[in-house]
Amino acid sequence: MTNYIGYLAAFLTTFSFLPQALKTIKTKNTDSISLLMYLMFVSGVFMWLLYGIIIKDIPLILANIITFILSSSILLIKLKNFRKK
């Protein structure tokens, strides 16, 4: 039962980034996104991923791999836009 809760939590929190990532990738508009917040968030997700690997927690690992990819894509677009300004 505990694993099911973990998988459901991982699914919901991970895929909550999908609409924002798709919109940002499509429009390339990151004006209202905080650079500092995304730098901190992506770093934190990476730390959670490392932690999941260390404790061998599959839901934690899978969720954070996907979240890292989605949030990193937003961060990379934000950084590219930041450099243009």
N, C-alpha and C. Protein backbone atom coordinates (compact mmCIF):
# COMPACT_ATOMS: atom_id res chain seq x y z
N MET A 1 0.83 -1.20 0.00
CA MET A 1 0.00 0.00 0.00
C MET A 1 0.87 1.26 0.00
N THR A 2 1.95 1.26 0.76
CA THR A 2 2.83 2.42 0.85
C THR A 2 3.42 2.76 -0.52
N ASN A 3 3.82 1.73 -1.27
CA ASN A 3 4.38 1.98 -2.60
C ASN A 3 3.35 2.62 -3.53
N TYR A 4 2.09 2.19 -3.42
CA TYR A 4 1.05 2.78 -4.26
C TYR A 4 0.88 4.27 -3.97
N ILE A 5 0.95 4.63 -2.71
CA ILE A 5 0.87 6.04 -2.33
C ILE A 5 2.06 6.79 -2.90
N GLY A 6 3.23 6.20 -2.80
CA GLY A 6 4.44 6.81 -3.35
C GLY A 6 4.35 7.00 -4.86
N TYR A 7 3.87 5.98 -5.56
CA TYR A 7 3.74 6.10 -7.01
C TYR A 7 2.70 7.15 -7.40
N LEU A 8 1.58 7.20 -6.68
CA LEU A 8 0.55 8.19 -6.98
C LEU A 8 1.06 9.60 -6.71
N ALA A 9 1.73 9.79 -5.59
CA ALA A 9 2.30 11.10 -5.27
C ALA A 9 3.33 11.49 -6.32
N ALA A 10 4.17 10.56 -6.70
CA ALA A 10 5.19 10.82 -7.72
C ALA A 10 4.55 11.20 -9.04
N PHE A 11 3.53 10.48 -9.43
CA PHE A 11 2.85 10.76 -10.69
C PHE A 11 2.24 12.16 -10.68
N LEU A 12 1.50 12.49 -9.64
CA LEU A 12 0.81 13.78 -9.57
C LEU A 12 1.77 14.96 -9.54
N THR A 13 2.78 14.89 -8.69
CA THR A 13 3.71 16.02 -8.58
C THR A 13 4.61 16.14 -9.81
N THR A 14 4.99 15.02 -10.37
CA THR A 14 5.86 15.03 -11.54
C THR A 14 5.13 15.59 -12.76
N PHE A 15 3.97 15.05 -13.04
CA PHE A 15 3.28 15.45 -14.25
C PHE A 15 2.54 16.77 -14.12
N SER A 16 2.56 17.36 -12.94
CA SER A 16 2.01 18.71 -12.80
C SER A 16 2.90 19.71 -13.56
N PHE A 17 4.15 19.34 -13.83
CA PHE A 17 5.06 20.20 -14.58
C PHE A 17 4.85 20.10 -16.08
N LEU A 18 4.19 19.08 -16.54
CA LEU A 18 4.05 18.87 -17.97
C LEU A 18 3.35 20.03 -18.69
N PRO A 19 2.21 20.53 -18.21
CA PRO A 19 1.58 21.65 -18.91
C PRO A 19 2.49 22.88 -19.01
N GLN A 20 3.19 23.22 -17.93
CA GLN A 20 4.08 24.38 -17.96
C GLN A 20 5.25 24.14 -18.90
N ALA A 21 5.81 22.95 -18.86
CA ALA A 21 6.94 22.64 -19.74
C ALA A 21 6.51 22.71 -21.20
N LEU A 22 5.37 22.13 -21.53
CA LEU A 22 4.90 22.16 -22.92
C LEU A 22 4.62 23.59 -23.37
N LYS A 23 3.98 24.38 -22.51
CA LYS A 23 3.69 25.77 -22.86
C LYS A 23 4.98 26.57 -23.06
N THR A 24 5.94 26.38 -22.16
CA THR A 24 7.21 27.11 -22.25
C THR A 24 8.00 26.70 -23.49
N ILE A 25 8.03 25.42 -23.78
CA ILE A 25 8.73 24.93 -24.96
C ILE A 25 8.07 25.48 -26.23
N LYS A 26 6.75 25.51 -26.24
CA LYS A 26 6.01 25.99 -27.41
C LYS A 26 6.16 27.49 -27.61
N THR A 27 5.98 28.27 -26.54
CA THR A 27 5.97 29.73 -26.67
C THR A 27 7.34 30.37 -26.47
N LYS A 28 8.23 29.67 -25.79
CA LYS A 28 9.55 30.19 -25.40
C LYS A 28 9.44 31.42 -24.49
N ASN A 29 8.26 31.66 -23.93
CA ASN A 29 8.03 32.81 -23.06
C ASN A 29 8.28 32.42 -21.61
N THR A 30 9.28 33.06 -21.01
CA THR A 30 9.62 32.79 -19.60
C THR A 30 9.62 34.07 -18.77
N ASP A 31 8.98 35.11 -19.28
CA ASP A 31 9.01 36.41 -18.61
C ASP A 31 8.50 36.35 -17.17
N SER A 32 7.47 35.56 -16.92
CA SER A 32 6.88 35.54 -15.58
C SER A 32 7.46 34.44 -14.69
N ILE A 33 8.52 33.80 -15.14
CA ILE A 33 9.14 32.71 -14.38
C ILE A 33 10.39 33.24 -13.68
N SER A 34 10.51 32.95 -12.40
CA SER A 34 11.66 33.39 -11.62
C SER A 34 12.88 32.51 -11.91
N LEU A 35 13.96 33.15 -12.34
CA LEU A 35 15.20 32.42 -12.60
C LEU A 35 15.75 31.79 -11.32
N LEU A 36 15.79 32.56 -10.25
CA LEU A 36 16.32 32.04 -8.99
C LEU A 36 15.50 30.85 -8.49
N MET A 37 14.18 30.94 -8.59
CA MET A 37 13.32 29.84 -8.14
C MET A 37 13.63 28.57 -8.93
N TYR A 38 13.76 28.71 -10.27
CA TYR A 38 14.02 27.51 -11.07
C TYR A 38 15.43 26.97 -10.86
N LEU A 39 16.40 27.83 -10.64
CA LEU A 39 17.74 27.35 -10.30
C LEU A 39 17.72 26.54 -9.01
N MET A 40 17.03 27.07 -8.01
CA MET A 40 16.93 26.37 -6.72
C MET A 40 16.12 25.09 -6.86
N PHE A 41 15.02 25.15 -7.61
CA PHE A 41 14.15 23.99 -7.76
C PHE A 41 14.85 22.85 -8.48
N VAL A 42 15.49 23.15 -9.61
CA VAL A 42 16.19 22.10 -10.37
C VAL A 42 17.31 21.49 -9.52
N SER A 43 18.02 22.33 -8.76
CA SER A 43 19.06 21.81 -7.87
C SER A 43 18.46 20.90 -6.80
N GLY A 44 17.35 21.31 -6.24
CA GLY A 44 16.68 20.49 -5.22
C GLY A 44 16.18 19.17 -5.77
N VAL A 45 15.60 19.20 -6.97
CA VAL A 45 15.13 17.97 -7.61
C VAL A 45 16.30 17.03 -7.85
N PHE A 46 17.43 17.58 -8.28
CA PHE A 46 18.62 16.75 -8.49
C PHE A 46 19.07 16.10 -7.18
N MET A 47 19.01 16.85 -6.09
CA MET A 47 19.38 16.29 -4.78
C MET A 47 18.41 15.19 -4.36
N TRP A 48 17.10 15.39 -4.62
CA TRP A 48 16.12 14.34 -4.32
C TRP A 48 16.39 13.09 -5.17
N LEU A 49 16.80 13.30 -6.41
CA LEU A 49 17.14 12.17 -7.28
C LEU A 49 18.33 11.40 -6.71
N LEU A 50 19.37 12.11 -6.31
CA LEU A 50 20.52 11.44 -5.69
C LEU A 50 20.12 10.69 -4.43
N TYR A 51 19.30 11.33 -3.61
CA TYR A 51 18.82 10.69 -2.38
C TYR A 51 18.04 9.42 -2.71
N GLY A 52 17.17 9.49 -3.71
CA GLY A 52 16.40 8.31 -4.11
C GLY A 52 17.30 7.18 -4.58
N ILE A 53 18.36 7.53 -5.30
CA ILE A 53 19.31 6.51 -5.76
C ILE A 53 20.03 5.89 -4.57
N ILE A 54 20.45 6.73 -3.63
CA ILE A 54 21.17 6.23 -2.45
C ILE A 54 20.31 5.26 -1.65
N ILE A 55 19.03 5.62 -1.45
CA ILE A 55 18.16 4.74 -0.63
C ILE A 55 17.42 3.71 -1.48
N LYS A 56 17.66 3.73 -2.80
CA LYS A 56 17.07 2.76 -3.73
C LYS A 56 15.54 2.77 -3.68
N ASP A 57 14.97 3.98 -3.76
CA ASP A 57 13.52 4.15 -3.74
C ASP A 57 13.05 4.44 -5.16
N ILE A 58 12.46 3.44 -5.81
CA ILE A 58 12.08 3.54 -7.21
C ILE A 58 11.10 4.68 -7.49
N PRO A 59 10.00 4.84 -6.71
CA PRO A 59 9.10 5.97 -7.00
C PRO A 59 9.81 7.31 -6.92
N LEU A 60 10.68 7.48 -5.96
CA LEU A 60 11.42 8.72 -5.80
C LEU A 60 12.38 8.95 -6.97
N ILE A 61 13.03 7.90 -7.40
CA ILE A 61 13.97 8.00 -8.53
C ILE A 61 13.23 8.36 -9.82
N LEU A 62 12.18 7.61 -10.13
CA LEU A 62 11.44 7.84 -11.37
C LEU A 62 10.83 9.23 -11.41
N ALA A 63 10.20 9.62 -10.32
CA ALA A 63 9.55 10.93 -10.27
C ALA A 63 10.57 12.05 -10.47
N ASN A 64 11.70 11.93 -9.84
CA ASN A 64 12.68 13.00 -9.91
C ASN A 64 13.46 13.02 -11.22
N ILE A 65 13.60 11.89 -11.87
CA ILE A 65 14.20 11.89 -13.22
C ILE A 65 13.30 12.69 -14.16
N ILE A 66 12.02 12.38 -14.13
CA ILE A 66 11.08 13.05 -15.04
C ILE A 66 10.96 14.53 -14.67
N THR A 67 10.82 14.83 -13.38
CA THR A 67 10.71 16.22 -12.94
C THR A 67 11.96 16.99 -13.30
N PHE A 68 13.12 16.37 -13.14
CA PHE A 68 14.39 17.03 -13.49
C PHE A 68 14.43 17.38 -14.98
N ILE A 69 14.00 16.46 -15.82
CA ILE A 69 14.00 16.71 -17.27
C ILE A 69 13.04 17.84 -17.61
N LEU A 70 11.81 17.78 -17.08
CA LEU A 70 10.82 18.81 -17.39
C LEU A 70 11.23 20.18 -16.86
N SER A 71 11.66 20.23 -15.61
CA SER A 71 12.01 21.53 -15.03
C SER A 71 13.32 22.07 -15.61
N SER A 72 14.24 21.18 -15.98
CA SER A 72 15.48 21.62 -16.62
C SER A 72 15.21 22.23 -17.98
N SER A 73 14.23 21.68 -18.70
CA SER A 73 13.91 22.25 -20.02
C SER A 73 13.39 23.68 -19.85
N ILE A 74 12.57 23.92 -18.84
CA ILE A 74 12.08 25.27 -18.57
C ILE A 74 13.25 26.17 -18.17
N LEU A 75 14.12 25.67 -17.30
CA LEU A 75 15.26 26.45 -16.85
C LEU A 75 16.19 26.81 -18.01
N LEU A 76 16.44 25.89 -18.91
CA LEU A 76 17.33 26.17 -20.04
C LEU A 76 16.75 27.25 -20.95
N ILE A 77 15.44 27.21 -21.17
CA ILE A 77 14.81 28.25 -21.97
C ILE A 77 14.88 29.59 -21.24
N LYS A 78 14.65 29.57 -19.92
CA LYS A 78 14.74 30.79 -19.12
C LYS A 78 16.15 31.38 -19.21
N LEU A 79 17.17 30.54 -19.07
CA LEU A 79 18.56 31.02 -19.15
C LEU A 79 18.88 31.59 -20.52
N LYS A 80 18.39 30.93 -21.57
CA LYS A 80 18.62 31.43 -22.92
C LYS A 80 17.96 32.80 -23.09
N ASN A 81 16.73 32.95 -22.61
CA ASN A 81 16.04 34.24 -22.69
C ASN A 81 16.72 35.30 -21.83
N PHE A 82 17.23 34.89 -20.69
CA PHE A 82 17.92 35.83 -19.77
C PHE A 82 19.17 36.38 -20.44
N ARG A 83 19.90 35.54 -21.13
CA ARG A 83 21.13 35.97 -21.82
C ARG A 83 20.84 36.94 -22.95
N LYS A 84 19.69 36.76 -23.62
CA LYS A 84 19.31 37.65 -24.71
C LYS A 84 19.04 39.07 -24.21
N LYS A 85 18.55 39.18 -22.98
CA LYS A 85 18.23 40.49 -22.42
C LYS A 85 19.48 41.09 -21.87
